[in-house]
Amino acid sequence: MKKKLWLGAVLIGMTIGVSACGNEEKQEPASETASVTVDFINQTGEDVGILRIRPTEDYDWSENLLQEEVWKQNYEMPVSLSGVLPDLEDGWQVQMKFLDGTEETWNAVAIEDNTIAVFSLDNGLPNVEIEASDDVQGEASETGEKE
């Protein structure tokens, strides 16, 4: 009888020990926090009323990123993301709802720090071009001149 109690106590102790280890692992953050700033430029030919992003279709859309009521054609707008950001090889999704009631979604948008994303509609299809910001271009041209 004492052996059964002792064996039961050991099994309970092992179960508690294993579950405690699991809790410690869950409390550690999965990845580090990051901060990314990208300049979005609207060259869609339309004024935008709502701008939202998400990492993939598995996520909900963000809140409206516009700080003004309207993001006008040819205007530039900084977008800042911070916190634990997913590491995406395929890019983000960007959704714009235009003032005329239509909307478009851009897929595979590379949101990287210190870049410019130029959004346009080519023959009605969403297109985005990613460019280095002026600061990065200036550094690159200086490096190119030295070589």
N, C-alpha and C. Protein backbone atom coordinates (compact mmCIF):
# COMPACT_ATOMS: atom_id res chain seq x y z
N MET A 1 0.82 -1.19 0.00
CA MET A 1 0.00 0.00 0.00
C MET A 1 0.87 1.26 0.00
N LYS A 2 1.98 1.25 0.77
CA LYS A 2 2.86 2.40 0.83
C LYS A 2 3.53 2.63 -0.53
N LYS A 3 3.83 1.54 -1.24
CA LYS A 3 4.46 1.69 -2.55
C LYS A 3 3.52 2.36 -3.54
N LYS A 4 2.22 2.01 -3.46
CA LYS A 4 1.24 2.62 -4.36
C LYS A 4 1.09 4.11 -4.07
N LEU A 5 1.05 4.50 -2.77
CA LEU A 5 0.94 5.90 -2.40
C LEU A 5 2.19 6.67 -2.85
N TRP A 6 3.35 6.05 -2.65
CA TRP A 6 4.60 6.70 -3.03
C TRP A 6 4.65 6.87 -4.56
N LEU A 7 4.28 5.84 -5.29
CA LEU A 7 4.25 5.91 -6.74
C LEU A 7 3.25 6.96 -7.22
N GLY A 8 2.09 7.04 -6.59
CA GLY A 8 1.08 8.05 -6.93
C GLY A 8 1.60 9.46 -6.66
N ALA A 9 2.29 9.64 -5.54
CA ALA A 9 2.84 10.96 -5.20
C ALA A 9 3.91 11.36 -6.21
N VAL A 10 4.75 10.40 -6.63
CA VAL A 10 5.79 10.69 -7.62
C VAL A 10 5.16 11.07 -8.95
N LEU A 11 4.13 10.37 -9.39
CA LEU A 11 3.46 10.68 -10.65
C LEU A 11 2.80 12.06 -10.60
N ILE A 12 2.17 12.39 -9.47
CA ILE A 12 1.55 13.71 -9.33
C ILE A 12 2.62 14.80 -9.36
N GLY A 13 3.73 14.56 -8.67
CA GLY A 13 4.83 15.52 -8.66
C GLY A 13 5.39 15.73 -10.05
N MET A 14 5.55 14.66 -10.82
CA MET A 14 6.07 14.78 -12.18
C MET A 14 5.08 15.55 -13.07
N THR A 15 3.80 15.30 -12.90
CA THR A 15 2.79 15.99 -13.69
C THR A 15 2.82 17.49 -13.40
N ILE A 16 2.91 17.85 -12.12
CA ILE A 16 2.97 19.27 -11.76
C ILE A 16 4.25 19.89 -12.30
N GLY A 17 5.35 19.18 -12.21
CA GLY A 17 6.63 19.71 -12.71
C GLY A 17 6.61 19.93 -14.21
N VAL A 18 6.04 19.00 -14.95
CA VAL A 18 5.97 19.14 -16.40
C VAL A 18 5.04 20.29 -16.79
N SER A 19 3.90 20.41 -16.12
CA SER A 19 2.97 21.49 -16.46
C SER A 19 3.55 22.85 -16.08
N ALA A 20 4.34 22.92 -15.01
CA ALA A 20 4.98 24.18 -14.63
C ALA A 20 6.00 24.59 -15.68
N CYS A 21 6.74 23.64 -16.22
CA CYS A 21 7.71 23.96 -17.28
C CYS A 21 7.00 24.48 -18.51
N GLY A 22 5.88 23.90 -18.84
CA GLY A 22 5.11 24.35 -20.00
C GLY A 22 4.63 25.77 -19.82
N ASN A 23 4.21 26.15 -18.62
CA ASN A 23 3.75 27.51 -18.37
C ASN A 23 4.88 28.51 -18.52
N GLU A 24 6.09 28.14 -18.10
CA GLU A 24 7.22 29.05 -18.22
C GLU A 24 7.51 29.33 -19.69
N GLU A 25 7.41 28.31 -20.53
CA GLU A 25 7.68 28.50 -21.96
C GLU A 25 6.64 29.39 -22.60
N LYS A 26 5.38 29.28 -22.20
CA LYS A 26 4.32 30.08 -22.79
C LYS A 26 4.44 31.54 -22.40
N GLN A 27 5.02 31.83 -21.24
CA GLN A 27 5.12 33.20 -20.78
C GLN A 27 6.21 33.97 -21.50
N GLU A 28 7.19 33.31 -22.09
CA GLU A 28 8.25 33.98 -22.81
C GLU A 28 7.72 34.47 -24.16
N PRO A 29 8.08 35.68 -24.57
CA PRO A 29 7.60 36.18 -25.86
C PRO A 29 8.17 35.36 -27.01
N ALA A 30 7.35 35.19 -28.06
CA ALA A 30 7.74 34.39 -29.21
C ALA A 30 8.80 35.11 -30.04
N SER A 31 8.73 36.43 -30.13
CA SER A 31 9.72 37.18 -30.88
C SER A 31 9.86 38.56 -30.27
N GLU A 32 10.86 39.31 -30.71
CA GLU A 32 11.14 40.62 -30.16
C GLU A 32 10.23 41.67 -30.78
N THR A 33 10.07 42.77 -30.07
CA THR A 33 9.27 43.86 -30.62
C THR A 33 10.07 44.61 -31.68
N ALA A 34 9.35 45.19 -32.59
CA ALA A 34 9.99 45.91 -33.70
C ALA A 34 9.22 47.20 -33.97
N SER A 35 9.85 48.09 -34.68
CA SER A 35 9.22 49.33 -35.10
C SER A 35 9.57 49.57 -36.56
N VAL A 36 8.56 49.79 -37.39
CA VAL A 36 8.75 49.97 -38.83
C VAL A 36 7.98 51.21 -39.27
N THR A 37 8.64 52.06 -40.06
CA THR A 37 7.98 53.23 -40.63
C THR A 37 8.11 53.19 -42.14
N VAL A 38 6.97 53.26 -42.81
CA VAL A 38 6.91 53.22 -44.27
C VAL A 38 6.10 54.43 -44.73
N ASP A 39 6.50 55.05 -45.82
CA ASP A 39 5.71 56.13 -46.40
C ASP A 39 4.85 55.55 -47.52
N PHE A 40 3.54 55.71 -47.41
CA PHE A 40 2.61 55.28 -48.44
C PHE A 40 2.29 56.50 -49.31
N ILE A 41 2.28 56.30 -50.63
CA ILE A 41 1.89 57.35 -51.57
C ILE A 41 0.69 56.85 -52.37
N ASN A 42 -0.35 57.68 -52.42
CA ASN A 42 -1.57 57.35 -53.13
C ASN A 42 -1.48 57.87 -54.56
N GLN A 43 -1.27 56.97 -55.51
CA GLN A 43 -1.30 57.32 -56.93
C GLN A 43 -2.33 56.46 -57.66
N THR A 44 -3.45 56.23 -56.96
CA THR A 44 -4.51 55.39 -57.51
C THR A 44 -5.44 56.15 -58.45
N GLY A 45 -5.39 57.48 -58.39
CA GLY A 45 -6.33 58.28 -59.16
C GLY A 45 -7.62 58.52 -58.39
N GLU A 46 -7.71 58.02 -57.19
CA GLU A 46 -8.91 58.14 -56.35
C GLU A 46 -8.53 58.69 -54.99
N ASP A 47 -9.47 59.35 -54.33
CA ASP A 47 -9.30 59.75 -52.94
C ASP A 47 -9.75 58.60 -52.05
N VAL A 48 -8.99 58.35 -50.99
CA VAL A 48 -9.23 57.19 -50.12
C VAL A 48 -9.87 57.65 -48.82
N GLY A 49 -10.89 56.92 -48.38
CA GLY A 49 -11.57 57.21 -47.12
C GLY A 49 -11.16 56.29 -46.00
N ILE A 50 -10.75 55.06 -46.33
CA ILE A 50 -10.34 54.08 -45.32
C ILE A 50 -9.11 53.34 -45.84
N LEU A 51 -8.11 53.22 -44.97
CA LEU A 51 -6.89 52.48 -45.27
C LEU A 51 -6.64 51.51 -44.13
N ARG A 52 -6.56 50.22 -44.46
CA ARG A 52 -6.33 49.19 -43.44
C ARG A 52 -5.29 48.19 -43.95
N ILE A 53 -4.60 47.55 -43.02
CA ILE A 53 -3.61 46.53 -43.38
C ILE A 53 -3.78 45.31 -42.49
N ARG A 54 -3.20 44.21 -42.94
CA ARG A 54 -3.13 42.99 -42.13
C ARG A 54 -1.99 42.13 -42.67
N PRO A 55 -1.40 41.30 -41.81
CA PRO A 55 -0.30 40.46 -42.27
C PRO A 55 -0.72 39.42 -43.31
N THR A 56 -1.80 38.71 -43.05
CA THR A 56 -2.31 37.69 -43.98
C THR A 56 -3.83 37.60 -43.82
N GLU A 57 -4.45 36.78 -44.62
CA GLU A 57 -5.90 36.59 -44.55
C GLU A 57 -6.33 35.98 -43.22
N ASP A 58 -5.40 35.37 -42.49
CA ASP A 58 -5.73 34.76 -41.21
C ASP A 58 -5.97 35.80 -40.11
N TYR A 59 -5.60 37.05 -40.36
CA TYR A 59 -5.73 38.11 -39.37
C TYR A 59 -6.90 39.02 -39.74
N ASP A 60 -7.43 39.72 -38.75
CA ASP A 60 -8.44 40.74 -39.00
C ASP A 60 -7.75 41.99 -39.55
N TRP A 61 -8.50 42.82 -40.24
CA TRP A 61 -7.96 44.08 -40.74
C TRP A 61 -7.68 45.00 -39.57
N SER A 62 -6.68 45.86 -39.71
CA SER A 62 -6.38 46.87 -38.70
C SER A 62 -7.50 47.90 -38.66
N GLU A 63 -7.44 48.78 -37.69
CA GLU A 63 -8.32 49.94 -37.67
C GLU A 63 -7.93 50.84 -38.85
N ASN A 64 -8.77 51.80 -39.16
CA ASN A 64 -8.46 52.75 -40.22
C ASN A 64 -7.19 53.51 -39.86
N LEU A 65 -6.18 53.46 -40.72
CA LEU A 65 -4.89 54.10 -40.46
C LEU A 65 -4.88 55.58 -40.81
N LEU A 66 -5.92 56.06 -41.48
CA LEU A 66 -5.95 57.47 -41.87
C LEU A 66 -6.21 58.36 -40.67
N GLN A 67 -5.40 59.39 -40.54
CA GLN A 67 -5.60 60.35 -39.47
C GLN A 67 -6.47 61.51 -39.93
N GLU A 68 -6.59 61.68 -41.21
CA GLU A 68 -7.48 62.68 -41.80
C GLU A 68 -8.69 61.94 -42.36
N GLU A 69 -9.72 62.70 -42.74
CA GLU A 69 -10.91 62.06 -43.30
C GLU A 69 -10.66 61.51 -44.69
N VAL A 70 -9.75 62.14 -45.43
CA VAL A 70 -9.50 61.74 -46.82
C VAL A 70 -8.00 61.72 -47.07
N TRP A 71 -7.56 60.65 -47.75
CA TRP A 71 -6.18 60.57 -48.23
C TRP A 71 -6.24 60.86 -49.72
N LYS A 72 -5.83 62.05 -50.10
CA LYS A 72 -5.98 62.51 -51.48
C LYS A 72 -4.94 61.90 -52.41
N GLN A 73 -5.30 61.91 -53.69
CA GLN A 73 -4.42 61.47 -54.77
C GLN A 73 -3.09 62.22 -54.69
N ASN A 74 -1.97 61.51 -54.88
CA ASN A 74 -0.59 62.03 -54.88
C ASN A 74 -0.08 62.49 -53.53
N TYR A 75 -0.84 62.26 -52.45
CA TYR A 75 -0.36 62.62 -51.13
C TYR A 75 0.43 61.47 -50.52
N GLU A 76 1.41 61.84 -49.72
CA GLU A 76 2.25 60.88 -49.02
C GLU A 76 1.80 60.82 -47.56
N MET A 77 1.83 59.62 -46.99
CA MET A 77 1.40 59.45 -45.61
C MET A 77 2.32 58.45 -44.91
N PRO A 78 2.92 58.83 -43.78
CA PRO A 78 3.74 57.86 -43.04
C PRO A 78 2.86 56.86 -42.30
N VAL A 79 3.27 55.61 -42.33
CA VAL A 79 2.59 54.54 -41.60
C VAL A 79 3.62 53.91 -40.68
N SER A 80 3.30 53.88 -39.39
CA SER A 80 4.22 53.30 -38.41
C SER A 80 3.58 52.09 -37.76
N LEU A 81 4.34 51.01 -37.69
CA LEU A 81 3.91 49.80 -37.02
C LEU A 81 4.90 49.51 -35.90
N SER A 82 4.39 49.10 -34.76
CA SER A 82 5.30 48.73 -33.68
C SER A 82 4.68 47.62 -32.86
N GLY A 83 5.52 46.90 -32.18
CA GLY A 83 5.08 45.76 -31.39
C GLY A 83 5.71 44.50 -31.92
N VAL A 84 5.07 43.37 -31.67
CA VAL A 84 5.56 42.09 -32.18
C VAL A 84 4.97 41.93 -33.58
N LEU A 85 5.80 42.13 -34.59
CA LEU A 85 5.35 42.07 -35.98
C LEU A 85 5.68 40.72 -36.57
N PRO A 86 4.76 40.15 -37.33
CA PRO A 86 5.05 38.87 -37.97
C PRO A 86 6.15 39.00 -39.01
N ASP A 87 6.95 37.98 -39.14
CA ASP A 87 8.01 37.95 -40.15
C ASP A 87 7.41 37.30 -41.40
N LEU A 88 7.12 38.12 -42.39
CA LEU A 88 6.41 37.62 -43.57
C LEU A 88 7.29 37.68 -44.80
N GLU A 89 7.45 36.54 -45.44
CA GLU A 89 8.20 36.49 -46.69
C GLU A 89 7.35 36.98 -47.85
N ASP A 90 6.04 36.77 -47.77
CA ASP A 90 5.14 37.09 -48.87
C ASP A 90 4.54 38.49 -48.78
N GLY A 91 4.87 39.27 -47.77
CA GLY A 91 4.37 40.62 -47.63
C GLY A 91 3.02 40.71 -46.94
N TRP A 92 2.50 41.93 -46.86
CA TRP A 92 1.26 42.25 -46.17
C TRP A 92 0.14 42.48 -47.18
N GLN A 93 -1.07 42.60 -46.67
CA GLN A 93 -2.21 43.00 -47.49
C GLN A 93 -2.60 44.42 -47.09
N VAL A 94 -2.89 45.25 -48.06
CA VAL A 94 -3.31 46.63 -47.84
C VAL A 94 -4.65 46.81 -48.55
N GLN A 95 -5.63 47.35 -47.81
CA GLN A 95 -6.96 47.56 -48.37
C GLN A 95 -7.29 49.05 -48.34
N MET A 96 -7.80 49.55 -49.46
CA MET A 96 -8.25 50.94 -49.54
C MET A 96 -9.71 50.94 -49.95
N LYS A 97 -10.49 51.76 -49.24
CA LYS A 97 -11.88 52.01 -49.62
C LYS A 97 -11.94 53.45 -50.11
N PHE A 98 -12.36 53.58 -51.36
CA PHE A 98 -12.37 54.89 -51.99
C PHE A 98 -13.67 55.63 -51.69
N LEU A 99 -13.64 56.94 -51.88
CA LEU A 99 -14.81 57.77 -51.58
C LEU A 99 -15.99 57.46 -52.49
N ASP A 100 -15.73 56.87 -53.66
CA ASP A 100 -16.83 56.53 -54.56
C ASP A 100 -17.51 55.21 -54.17
N GLY A 101 -17.05 54.58 -53.07
CA GLY A 101 -17.68 53.35 -52.58
C GLY A 101 -16.98 52.07 -53.01
N THR A 102 -16.04 52.16 -53.95
CA THR A 102 -15.31 50.97 -54.37
C THR A 102 -14.14 50.71 -53.42
N GLU A 103 -13.57 49.52 -53.53
CA GLU A 103 -12.41 49.19 -52.72
C GLU A 103 -11.46 48.28 -53.49
N GLU A 104 -10.21 48.30 -53.10
CA GLU A 104 -9.19 47.44 -53.71
C GLU A 104 -8.29 46.90 -52.60
N THR A 105 -7.70 45.73 -52.86
CA THR A 105 -6.76 45.11 -51.94
C THR A 105 -5.47 44.81 -52.69
N TRP A 106 -4.35 45.24 -52.11
CA TRP A 106 -3.03 44.97 -52.63
C TRP A 106 -2.45 43.83 -51.82
N ASN A 107 -1.96 42.80 -52.49
CA ASN A 107 -1.35 41.66 -51.82
C ASN A 107 0.16 41.71 -51.97
N ALA A 108 0.84 41.04 -51.07
CA ALA A 108 2.31 40.90 -51.12
C ALA A 108 3.03 42.25 -51.08
N VAL A 109 2.56 43.15 -50.22
CA VAL A 109 3.20 44.46 -50.06
C VAL A 109 4.34 44.32 -49.06
N ALA A 110 5.55 44.60 -49.50
CA ALA A 110 6.73 44.48 -48.64
C ALA A 110 6.82 45.70 -47.74
N ILE A 111 6.40 45.54 -46.50
CA ILE A 111 6.47 46.64 -45.54
C ILE A 111 7.79 46.50 -44.79
N GLU A 112 8.73 47.36 -45.15
CA GLU A 112 10.06 47.35 -44.54
C GLU A 112 10.37 48.75 -44.06
N ASP A 113 11.20 48.85 -43.05
CA ASP A 113 11.54 50.13 -42.46
C ASP A 113 12.25 51.03 -43.47
N ASN A 114 11.92 52.31 -43.44
CA ASN A 114 12.54 53.34 -44.28
C ASN A 114 12.37 53.08 -45.78
N THR A 115 11.18 52.68 -46.18
CA THR A 115 10.89 52.52 -47.61
C THR A 115 9.67 53.35 -47.97
N ILE A 116 9.42 53.44 -49.25
CA ILE A 116 8.25 54.15 -49.78
C ILE A 116 7.45 53.15 -50.60
N ALA A 117 6.15 53.06 -50.33
CA ALA A 117 5.25 52.19 -51.09
C ALA A 117 4.32 53.07 -51.90
N VAL A 118 4.43 52.97 -53.22
CA VAL A 118 3.62 53.78 -54.13
C VAL A 118 2.49 52.89 -54.66
N PHE A 119 1.26 53.23 -54.27
CA PHE A 119 0.09 52.45 -54.65
C PHE A 119 -0.57 53.07 -55.87
N SER A 120 -0.86 52.22 -56.86
CA SER A 120 -1.53 52.70 -58.07
C SER A 120 -2.48 51.63 -58.58
N LEU A 121 -3.28 52.03 -59.56
CA LEU A 121 -4.16 51.10 -60.26
C LEU A 121 -3.77 51.13 -61.73
N ASP A 122 -3.22 50.04 -62.22
CA ASP A 122 -2.82 49.93 -63.62
C ASP A 122 -3.88 49.14 -64.37
N ASN A 123 -4.61 49.85 -65.22
CA ASN A 123 -5.73 49.24 -65.97
C ASN A 123 -6.73 48.59 -65.02
N GLY A 124 -6.96 49.26 -63.88
CA GLY A 124 -7.93 48.77 -62.90
C GLY A 124 -7.40 47.72 -61.94
N LEU A 125 -6.15 47.30 -62.12
CA LEU A 125 -5.57 46.28 -61.24
C LEU A 125 -4.62 46.93 -60.23
N PRO A 126 -4.68 46.50 -58.96
CA PRO A 126 -3.81 47.09 -57.94
C PRO A 126 -2.33 46.79 -58.19
N ASN A 127 -1.51 47.82 -58.06
CA ASN A 127 -0.07 47.68 -58.24
C ASN A 127 0.63 48.48 -57.15
N VAL A 128 1.73 47.97 -56.63
CA VAL A 128 2.52 48.70 -55.64
C VAL A 128 3.99 48.59 -56.02
N GLU A 129 4.69 49.72 -55.92
CA GLU A 129 6.13 49.74 -56.14
C GLU A 129 6.79 50.17 -54.84
N ILE A 130 7.81 49.42 -54.43
CA ILE A 130 8.53 49.72 -53.21
C ILE A 130 9.85 50.39 -53.59
N GLU A 131 10.09 51.55 -52.99
CA GLU A 131 11.31 52.30 -53.27
C GLU A 131 12.02 52.58 -51.96
N ALA A 132 13.32 52.79 -52.03
CA ALA A 132 14.08 53.20 -50.86
C ALA A 132 13.76 54.66 -50.57
N SER A 133 13.74 55.02 -49.30
CA SER A 133 13.48 56.43 -48.96
C SER A 133 14.68 57.28 -49.34
N ASP A 134 14.52 58.61 -49.33
CA ASP A 134 15.61 59.51 -49.71
C ASP A 134 16.85 59.30 -48.87
N ASP A 135 16.67 59.05 -47.56
CA ASP A 135 17.82 58.83 -46.68
C ASP A 135 18.63 57.63 -47.12
N VAL A 136 17.93 56.54 -47.45
CA VAL A 136 18.62 55.33 -47.87
C VAL A 136 19.23 55.52 -49.26
N GLN A 137 18.52 56.23 -50.17
CA GLN A 137 19.05 56.46 -51.50
C GLN A 137 20.31 57.31 -51.43
N GLY A 138 20.33 58.32 -50.56
CA GLY A 138 21.50 59.17 -50.40
C GLY A 138 22.71 58.38 -49.95
N GLU A 139 22.50 57.47 -49.01
CA GLU A 139 23.60 56.63 -48.54
C GLU A 139 24.08 55.71 -49.65
N ALA A 140 23.15 55.18 -50.44
CA ALA A 140 23.53 54.26 -51.51
C ALA A 140 24.31 54.99 -52.59
N SER A 141 23.90 56.21 -52.93
CA SER A 141 24.61 56.92 -54.00
C SER A 141 26.00 57.33 -53.53
N GLU A 142 26.14 57.67 -52.26
CA GLU A 142 27.47 57.99 -51.75
C GLU A 142 28.39 56.78 -51.83
N THR A 143 27.84 55.62 -51.50
CA THR A 143 28.63 54.39 -51.57
C THR A 143 29.00 54.10 -53.01
N GLY A 144 28.05 54.32 -53.95
CA GLY A 144 28.32 54.06 -55.36
C GLY A 144 29.38 54.98 -55.91
N GLU A 145 29.44 56.23 -55.44
CA GLU A 145 30.44 57.18 -55.95
C GLU A 145 31.84 56.80 -55.49
N LYS A 146 31.95 56.21 -54.32
CA LYS A 146 33.26 55.88 -53.77
C LYS A 146 33.90 54.71 -54.48
N GLU A 147 33.09 53.84 -55.09
CA GLU A 147 33.63 52.65 -55.74
C GLU A 147 34.22 52.94 -57.02
